[in-house]
Amino acid sequence: MVERMPIAVAALVRDGMVLLAHRHSSREHYPDCWDLVGGHVEPGESPGEAVTRECLEELGVRVHGPQPIPITVSDPSLEVHSFVVTRWDGEPTNAAPEEHDDLRWFRAGELADLTLAHPGSRSGLLHALREEAQ
């Protein structure tokens, strides 16, 4: 059995919108599409610690209380840990321009037309937006 790469990703949600990052067209994996921010879980790090670190590295924000959410990813080489984040310090900016060429907030109705790195994640993103609205 192939060992799966542990990944931790975050859906930052605010005012009925979710923040997604556009992956550079030069990226080896999943180029030229929209994705959640995040990355590899380092040895000795929990997925929650990894997503907190990745949000600081990629967005320049300190997240508080990331909550696990179900996200479907069809890539069998990935073990994805996804979180919704509704509280953070700072304003998200593209702190990793070598990884992403755009950051944008999307409403639920805009997700259907996006090219997502993991199309199966759309239902999890909609769930996160519904939860935040309650």
N, C-alpha and C. Protein backbone atom coordinates (compact mmCIF):
# COMPACT_ATOMS: atom_id res chain seq x y z
N MET A 1 0.84 -1.19 0.00
CA MET A 1 0.00 0.00 0.00
C MET A 1 0.88 1.25 0.00
N VAL A 2 0.51 2.22 -0.80
CA VAL A 2 1.25 3.47 -0.90
C VAL A 2 0.94 4.34 0.32
N GLU A 3 1.99 4.90 0.92
CA GLU A 3 1.77 5.80 2.05
C GLU A 3 1.22 7.12 1.54
N ARG A 4 0.18 7.59 2.19
CA ARG A 4 -0.46 8.83 1.76
C ARG A 4 0.20 10.03 2.42
N MET A 5 0.31 11.12 1.66
CA MET A 5 0.91 12.36 2.14
C MET A 5 -0.11 13.12 2.98
N PRO A 6 0.20 13.38 4.27
CA PRO A 6 -0.75 14.15 5.09
C PRO A 6 -0.71 15.64 4.74
N ILE A 7 -1.88 16.18 4.48
CA ILE A 7 -2.05 17.59 4.09
C ILE A 7 -3.08 18.20 5.04
N ALA A 8 -2.87 19.45 5.43
CA ALA A 8 -3.85 20.18 6.23
C ALA A 8 -4.23 21.45 5.49
N VAL A 9 -5.54 21.67 5.31
CA VAL A 9 -6.03 22.83 4.56
C VAL A 9 -7.10 23.55 5.36
N ALA A 10 -7.27 24.83 5.06
CA ALA A 10 -8.23 25.65 5.79
C ALA A 10 -9.16 26.40 4.85
N ALA A 11 -10.43 26.43 5.24
CA ALA A 11 -11.43 27.27 4.59
C ALA A 11 -11.70 28.43 5.54
N LEU A 12 -11.14 29.59 5.25
CA LEU A 12 -11.45 30.77 6.04
C LEU A 12 -12.80 31.29 5.58
N VAL A 13 -13.72 31.46 6.52
CA VAL A 13 -15.09 31.84 6.20
C VAL A 13 -15.44 33.12 6.97
N ARG A 14 -16.01 34.08 6.23
CA ARG A 14 -16.40 35.36 6.84
C ARG A 14 -17.50 35.99 5.99
N ASP A 15 -18.51 36.50 6.66
CA ASP A 15 -19.59 37.24 5.98
C ASP A 15 -20.20 36.45 4.83
N GLY A 16 -20.37 35.13 5.01
CA GLY A 16 -20.99 34.31 3.98
C GLY A 16 -20.11 34.01 2.79
N MET A 17 -18.81 34.23 2.94
CA MET A 17 -17.87 33.98 1.85
C MET A 17 -16.72 33.11 2.35
N VAL A 18 -16.10 32.36 1.41
CA VAL A 18 -14.95 31.52 1.73
C VAL A 18 -13.76 32.03 0.92
N LEU A 19 -12.59 32.03 1.55
CA LEU A 19 -11.37 32.49 0.90
C LEU A 19 -10.69 31.31 0.20
N LEU A 20 -10.42 31.48 -1.09
CA LEU A 20 -9.69 30.48 -1.86
C LEU A 20 -8.47 31.12 -2.49
N ALA A 21 -7.46 30.30 -2.73
CA ALA A 21 -6.22 30.75 -3.37
C ALA A 21 -6.14 30.12 -4.76
N HIS A 22 -5.68 30.90 -5.73
CA HIS A 22 -5.49 30.38 -7.08
C HIS A 22 -4.05 29.90 -7.22
N ARG A 23 -3.90 28.63 -7.56
CA ARG A 23 -2.57 28.03 -7.69
C ARG A 23 -1.94 28.47 -9.01
N HIS A 24 -0.66 28.85 -8.93
CA HIS A 24 0.09 29.24 -10.13
C HIS A 24 -0.01 28.19 -11.22
N SER A 25 -0.02 28.62 -12.45
CA SER A 25 -0.06 27.68 -13.58
C SER A 25 1.24 26.89 -13.68
N SER A 26 2.30 27.35 -13.02
CA SER A 26 3.58 26.64 -13.06
C SER A 26 3.71 25.58 -11.97
N ARG A 27 2.71 25.45 -11.10
CA ARG A 27 2.77 24.45 -10.02
C ARG A 27 2.75 23.05 -10.60
N GLU A 28 3.54 22.16 -10.01
CA GLU A 28 3.60 20.77 -10.49
C GLU A 28 2.27 20.05 -10.25
N HIS A 29 1.71 20.23 -9.07
CA HIS A 29 0.46 19.56 -8.72
C HIS A 29 -0.69 20.56 -8.73
N TYR A 30 -1.75 20.21 -9.40
CA TYR A 30 -2.96 21.02 -9.46
C TYR A 30 -2.71 22.48 -9.90
N PRO A 31 -2.11 22.66 -11.08
CA PRO A 31 -1.85 24.02 -11.55
C PRO A 31 -3.13 24.72 -12.02
N ASP A 32 -3.12 26.04 -11.96
CA ASP A 32 -4.14 26.89 -12.56
C ASP A 32 -5.56 26.54 -12.10
N CYS A 33 -5.76 26.45 -10.79
CA CYS A 33 -7.09 26.18 -10.26
C CYS A 33 -7.18 26.79 -8.86
N TRP A 34 -8.39 26.82 -8.34
CA TRP A 34 -8.65 27.37 -7.02
C TRP A 34 -8.55 26.27 -5.98
N ASP A 35 -8.05 26.62 -4.79
CA ASP A 35 -7.84 25.63 -3.75
C ASP A 35 -7.89 26.30 -2.38
N LEU A 36 -8.05 25.48 -1.36
CA LEU A 36 -7.92 25.96 0.01
C LEU A 36 -6.45 26.20 0.30
N VAL A 37 -6.16 27.08 1.24
CA VAL A 37 -4.77 27.28 1.64
C VAL A 37 -4.36 26.16 2.57
N GLY A 38 -3.08 25.83 2.55
CA GLY A 38 -2.58 24.78 3.41
C GLY A 38 -1.39 24.09 2.79
N GLY A 39 -1.02 22.97 3.39
CA GLY A 39 0.13 22.24 2.88
C GLY A 39 0.42 21.02 3.71
N HIS A 40 1.65 20.54 3.58
CA HIS A 40 2.06 19.29 4.22
C HIS A 40 2.08 19.40 5.74
N VAL A 41 1.68 18.32 6.37
CA VAL A 41 1.81 18.19 7.82
C VAL A 41 3.24 17.69 8.07
N GLU A 42 4.01 18.48 8.80
CA GLU A 42 5.41 18.14 9.06
C GLU A 42 5.50 17.03 10.12
N PRO A 43 6.60 16.26 10.11
CA PRO A 43 6.78 15.21 11.13
C PRO A 43 6.68 15.81 12.54
N GLY A 44 5.91 15.14 13.41
CA GLY A 44 5.74 15.59 14.78
C GLY A 44 4.69 16.67 14.95
N GLU A 45 4.05 17.08 13.88
CA GLU A 45 3.07 18.16 13.91
C GLU A 45 1.67 17.55 13.76
N SER A 46 0.70 18.06 14.50
CA SER A 46 -0.68 17.62 14.32
C SER A 46 -1.27 18.36 13.11
N PRO A 47 -2.34 17.83 12.52
CA PRO A 47 -2.98 18.56 11.42
C PRO A 47 -3.44 19.97 11.83
N GLY A 48 -3.94 20.12 13.06
CA GLY A 48 -4.35 21.45 13.53
C GLY A 48 -3.18 22.41 13.63
N GLU A 49 -2.04 21.91 14.12
CA GLU A 49 -0.83 22.75 14.17
C GLU A 49 -0.36 23.10 12.77
N ALA A 50 -0.45 22.14 11.85
CA ALA A 50 -0.01 22.38 10.48
C ALA A 50 -0.87 23.45 9.80
N VAL A 51 -2.19 23.37 9.98
CA VAL A 51 -3.05 24.35 9.32
C VAL A 51 -2.83 25.74 9.91
N THR A 52 -2.56 25.80 11.21
CA THR A 52 -2.26 27.09 11.85
C THR A 52 -0.97 27.68 11.28
N ARG A 53 0.06 26.84 11.14
CA ARG A 53 1.34 27.29 10.58
C ARG A 53 1.17 27.71 9.12
N GLU A 54 0.47 26.89 8.34
CA GLU A 54 0.30 27.19 6.91
C GLU A 54 -0.47 28.50 6.69
N CYS A 55 -1.49 28.76 7.51
CA CYS A 55 -2.23 30.02 7.37
C CYS A 55 -1.34 31.22 7.66
N LEU A 56 -0.44 31.07 8.63
CA LEU A 56 0.49 32.15 8.93
C LEU A 56 1.47 32.33 7.76
N GLU A 57 2.00 31.22 7.23
CA GLU A 57 2.97 31.30 6.13
C GLU A 57 2.35 31.81 4.83
N GLU A 58 1.14 31.33 4.51
CA GLU A 58 0.54 31.64 3.21
C GLU A 58 -0.35 32.87 3.21
N LEU A 59 -0.95 33.20 4.37
CA LEU A 59 -1.89 34.31 4.43
C LEU A 59 -1.47 35.42 5.39
N GLY A 60 -0.49 35.14 6.25
CA GLY A 60 -0.05 36.14 7.21
C GLY A 60 -1.05 36.36 8.35
N VAL A 61 -1.90 35.36 8.63
CA VAL A 61 -2.89 35.49 9.71
C VAL A 61 -2.68 34.40 10.75
N ARG A 62 -3.01 34.74 11.99
CA ARG A 62 -2.98 33.76 13.09
C ARG A 62 -4.41 33.30 13.32
N VAL A 63 -4.66 32.01 13.01
CA VAL A 63 -6.01 31.48 13.13
C VAL A 63 -6.27 30.99 14.55
N HIS A 64 -7.55 31.01 14.93
CA HIS A 64 -7.98 30.55 16.25
C HIS A 64 -9.05 29.49 16.08
N GLY A 65 -8.89 28.38 16.79
CA GLY A 65 -9.92 27.35 16.85
C GLY A 65 -10.33 26.73 15.53
N PRO A 66 -9.38 26.28 14.70
CA PRO A 66 -9.80 25.61 13.47
C PRO A 66 -10.64 24.37 13.80
N GLN A 67 -11.77 24.22 13.12
CA GLN A 67 -12.68 23.11 13.36
C GLN A 67 -12.67 22.16 12.16
N PRO A 68 -12.49 20.86 12.40
CA PRO A 68 -12.49 19.90 11.28
C PRO A 68 -13.80 19.93 10.51
N ILE A 69 -13.70 19.85 9.18
CA ILE A 69 -14.88 19.73 8.31
C ILE A 69 -14.61 18.61 7.31
N PRO A 70 -15.66 17.97 6.84
CA PRO A 70 -15.47 16.91 5.84
C PRO A 70 -15.25 17.50 4.45
N ILE A 71 -14.16 17.11 3.83
CA ILE A 71 -13.86 17.51 2.45
C ILE A 71 -13.52 16.23 1.69
N THR A 72 -14.11 16.06 0.53
CA THR A 72 -13.83 14.89 -0.29
C THR A 72 -12.73 15.21 -1.30
N VAL A 73 -11.68 14.39 -1.27
CA VAL A 73 -10.57 14.54 -2.20
C VAL A 73 -10.36 13.19 -2.87
N SER A 74 -10.36 13.17 -4.18
CA SER A 74 -10.28 11.90 -4.91
C SER A 74 -8.85 11.42 -5.14
N ASP A 75 -7.85 12.21 -4.78
CA ASP A 75 -6.46 11.82 -4.98
C ASP A 75 -6.05 10.80 -3.90
N PRO A 76 -5.81 9.54 -4.28
CA PRO A 76 -5.50 8.51 -3.28
C PRO A 76 -4.13 8.68 -2.64
N SER A 77 -3.29 9.57 -3.16
CA SER A 77 -1.98 9.79 -2.56
C SER A 77 -2.01 10.80 -1.42
N LEU A 78 -3.18 11.45 -1.22
CA LEU A 78 -3.30 12.47 -0.18
C LEU A 78 -4.19 12.01 0.97
N GLU A 79 -3.76 12.34 2.16
CA GLU A 79 -4.57 12.20 3.37
C GLU A 79 -4.89 13.62 3.82
N VAL A 80 -6.06 14.11 3.45
CA VAL A 80 -6.38 15.52 3.66
C VAL A 80 -7.15 15.73 4.96
N HIS A 81 -6.63 16.66 5.76
CA HIS A 81 -7.29 17.11 6.99
C HIS A 81 -7.75 18.54 6.71
N SER A 82 -9.06 18.73 6.68
CA SER A 82 -9.59 20.06 6.34
C SER A 82 -10.27 20.69 7.54
N PHE A 83 -10.16 22.00 7.59
CA PHE A 83 -10.67 22.76 8.73
C PHE A 83 -11.42 23.99 8.23
N VAL A 84 -12.42 24.40 8.99
CA VAL A 84 -13.05 25.69 8.76
C VAL A 84 -12.54 26.62 9.86
N VAL A 85 -12.24 27.85 9.46
CA VAL A 85 -11.73 28.86 10.38
C VAL A 85 -12.61 30.09 10.26
N THR A 86 -13.16 30.54 11.38
CA THR A 86 -14.01 31.74 11.36
C THR A 86 -13.42 32.88 12.19
N ARG A 87 -12.31 32.60 12.89
CA ARG A 87 -11.66 33.65 13.69
C ARG A 87 -10.16 33.64 13.43
N TRP A 88 -9.62 34.84 13.21
CA TRP A 88 -8.18 34.98 13.00
C TRP A 88 -7.77 36.41 13.26
N ASP A 89 -6.48 36.58 13.50
CA ASP A 89 -5.89 37.91 13.69
C ASP A 89 -5.22 38.32 12.39
N GLY A 90 -5.48 39.56 11.97
CA GLY A 90 -4.87 40.08 10.76
C GLY A 90 -5.81 39.96 9.57
N GLU A 91 -5.40 40.55 8.47
CA GLU A 91 -6.18 40.51 7.23
C GLU A 91 -5.44 39.60 6.25
N PRO A 92 -6.11 38.57 5.72
CA PRO A 92 -5.42 37.66 4.81
C PRO A 92 -4.85 38.37 3.58
N THR A 93 -3.58 38.08 3.32
CA THR A 93 -2.90 38.58 2.13
C THR A 93 -2.15 37.41 1.49
N ASN A 94 -1.74 37.59 0.26
CA ASN A 94 -0.99 36.54 -0.42
C ASN A 94 0.47 36.60 0.02
N ALA A 95 0.76 35.92 1.13
CA ALA A 95 2.11 35.91 1.68
C ALA A 95 2.99 34.85 1.02
N ALA A 96 2.45 34.09 0.07
CA ALA A 96 3.21 33.05 -0.63
C ALA A 96 3.00 33.19 -2.14
N PRO A 97 3.46 34.32 -2.72
CA PRO A 97 3.20 34.55 -4.15
C PRO A 97 3.86 33.53 -5.07
N GLU A 98 4.83 32.77 -4.54
CA GLU A 98 5.43 31.71 -5.36
C GLU A 98 4.49 30.51 -5.48
N GLU A 99 3.49 30.43 -4.61
CA GLU A 99 2.53 29.32 -4.64
C GLU A 99 1.20 29.72 -5.26
N HIS A 100 0.75 30.96 -4.98
CA HIS A 100 -0.56 31.43 -5.44
C HIS A 100 -0.41 32.74 -6.19
N ASP A 101 -1.21 32.91 -7.24
CA ASP A 101 -1.17 34.19 -7.95
C ASP A 101 -2.40 35.05 -7.70
N ASP A 102 -3.32 34.54 -6.85
CA ASP A 102 -4.50 35.34 -6.51
C ASP A 102 -5.15 34.76 -5.25
N LEU A 103 -5.77 35.62 -4.49
CA LEU A 103 -6.63 35.24 -3.37
C LEU A 103 -7.96 35.93 -3.61
N ARG A 104 -9.05 35.22 -3.34
CA ARG A 104 -10.35 35.84 -3.57
C ARG A 104 -11.39 35.23 -2.64
N TRP A 105 -12.34 36.06 -2.22
CA TRP A 105 -13.48 35.61 -1.41
C TRP A 105 -14.61 35.25 -2.36
N PHE A 106 -15.26 34.09 -2.10
CA PHE A 106 -16.34 33.61 -2.94
C PHE A 106 -17.59 33.33 -2.12
N ARG A 107 -18.74 33.69 -2.68
CA ARG A 107 -20.03 33.33 -2.10
C ARG A 107 -20.39 31.91 -2.57
N ALA A 108 -21.32 31.27 -1.87
CA ALA A 108 -21.70 29.89 -2.19
C ALA A 108 -22.09 29.73 -3.66
N GLY A 109 -22.86 30.67 -4.19
CA GLY A 109 -23.33 30.57 -5.57
C GLY A 109 -22.24 30.67 -6.61
N GLU A 110 -21.08 31.18 -6.22
CA GLU A 110 -19.97 31.32 -7.18
C GLU A 110 -19.10 30.07 -7.27
N LEU A 111 -19.26 29.14 -6.33
CA LEU A 111 -18.39 27.96 -6.30
C LEU A 111 -18.66 27.00 -7.45
N ALA A 112 -19.88 26.95 -7.95
CA ALA A 112 -20.25 25.97 -8.98
C ALA A 112 -19.43 26.15 -10.26
N ASP A 113 -19.07 27.37 -10.60
CA ASP A 113 -18.37 27.63 -11.86
C ASP A 113 -16.86 27.63 -11.74
N LEU A 114 -16.34 27.41 -10.54
CA LEU A 114 -14.88 27.44 -10.36
C LEU A 114 -14.23 26.12 -10.73
N THR A 115 -13.02 26.21 -11.26
CA THR A 115 -12.19 25.03 -11.44
C THR A 115 -11.44 24.85 -10.13
N LEU A 116 -11.84 23.82 -9.38
CA LEU A 116 -11.23 23.55 -8.08
C LEU A 116 -10.18 22.46 -8.19
N ALA A 117 -9.15 22.54 -7.37
CA ALA A 117 -8.12 21.50 -7.34
C ALA A 117 -8.77 20.16 -7.03
N HIS A 118 -9.74 20.17 -6.15
CA HIS A 118 -10.44 18.95 -5.74
C HIS A 118 -11.94 19.21 -5.86
N PRO A 119 -12.55 18.91 -7.01
CA PRO A 119 -13.97 19.22 -7.21
C PRO A 119 -14.88 18.63 -6.14
N GLY A 120 -14.49 17.52 -5.55
CA GLY A 120 -15.30 16.93 -4.50
C GLY A 120 -15.36 17.76 -3.24
N SER A 121 -14.48 18.76 -3.13
CA SER A 121 -14.47 19.61 -1.93
C SER A 121 -15.60 20.64 -1.94
N ARG A 122 -16.25 20.81 -3.08
CA ARG A 122 -17.31 21.82 -3.20
C ARG A 122 -18.40 21.64 -2.14
N SER A 123 -18.84 20.40 -1.91
CA SER A 123 -19.92 20.18 -0.93
C SER A 123 -19.44 20.52 0.48
N GLY A 124 -18.19 20.24 0.82
CA GLY A 124 -17.66 20.60 2.13
C GLY A 124 -17.58 22.11 2.31
N LEU A 125 -17.24 22.81 1.25
CA LEU A 125 -17.18 24.28 1.32
C LEU A 125 -18.57 24.86 1.52
N LEU A 126 -19.55 24.31 0.81
CA LEU A 126 -20.92 24.79 0.98
C LEU A 126 -21.41 24.52 2.40
N HIS A 127 -21.05 23.36 2.96
CA HIS A 127 -21.41 23.02 4.32
C HIS A 127 -20.80 24.05 5.30
N ALA A 128 -19.53 24.38 5.08
CA ALA A 128 -18.85 25.35 5.97
C ALA A 128 -19.53 26.71 5.89
N LEU A 129 -19.96 27.12 4.72
CA LEU A 129 -20.64 28.40 4.58
C LEU A 129 -22.01 28.38 5.26
N ARG A 130 -22.72 27.26 5.16
CA ARG A 130 -24.02 27.15 5.83
C ARG A 130 -23.86 27.20 7.35
N GLU A 131 -22.84 26.51 7.86
CA GLU A 131 -22.59 26.50 9.31
C GLU A 131 -22.29 27.90 9.82
N GLU A 132 -21.50 28.65 9.09
CA GLU A 132 -21.12 30.00 9.52
C GLU A 132 -22.32 30.92 9.53
N ALA A 133 -23.26 30.67 8.65
CA ALA A 133 -24.44 31.53 8.53
C ALA A 133 -25.40 31.34 9.71
N GLN A 134 -25.29 30.22 10.42
CA GLN A 134 -26.23 29.94 11.52
C GLN A 134 -25.83 30.63 12.80
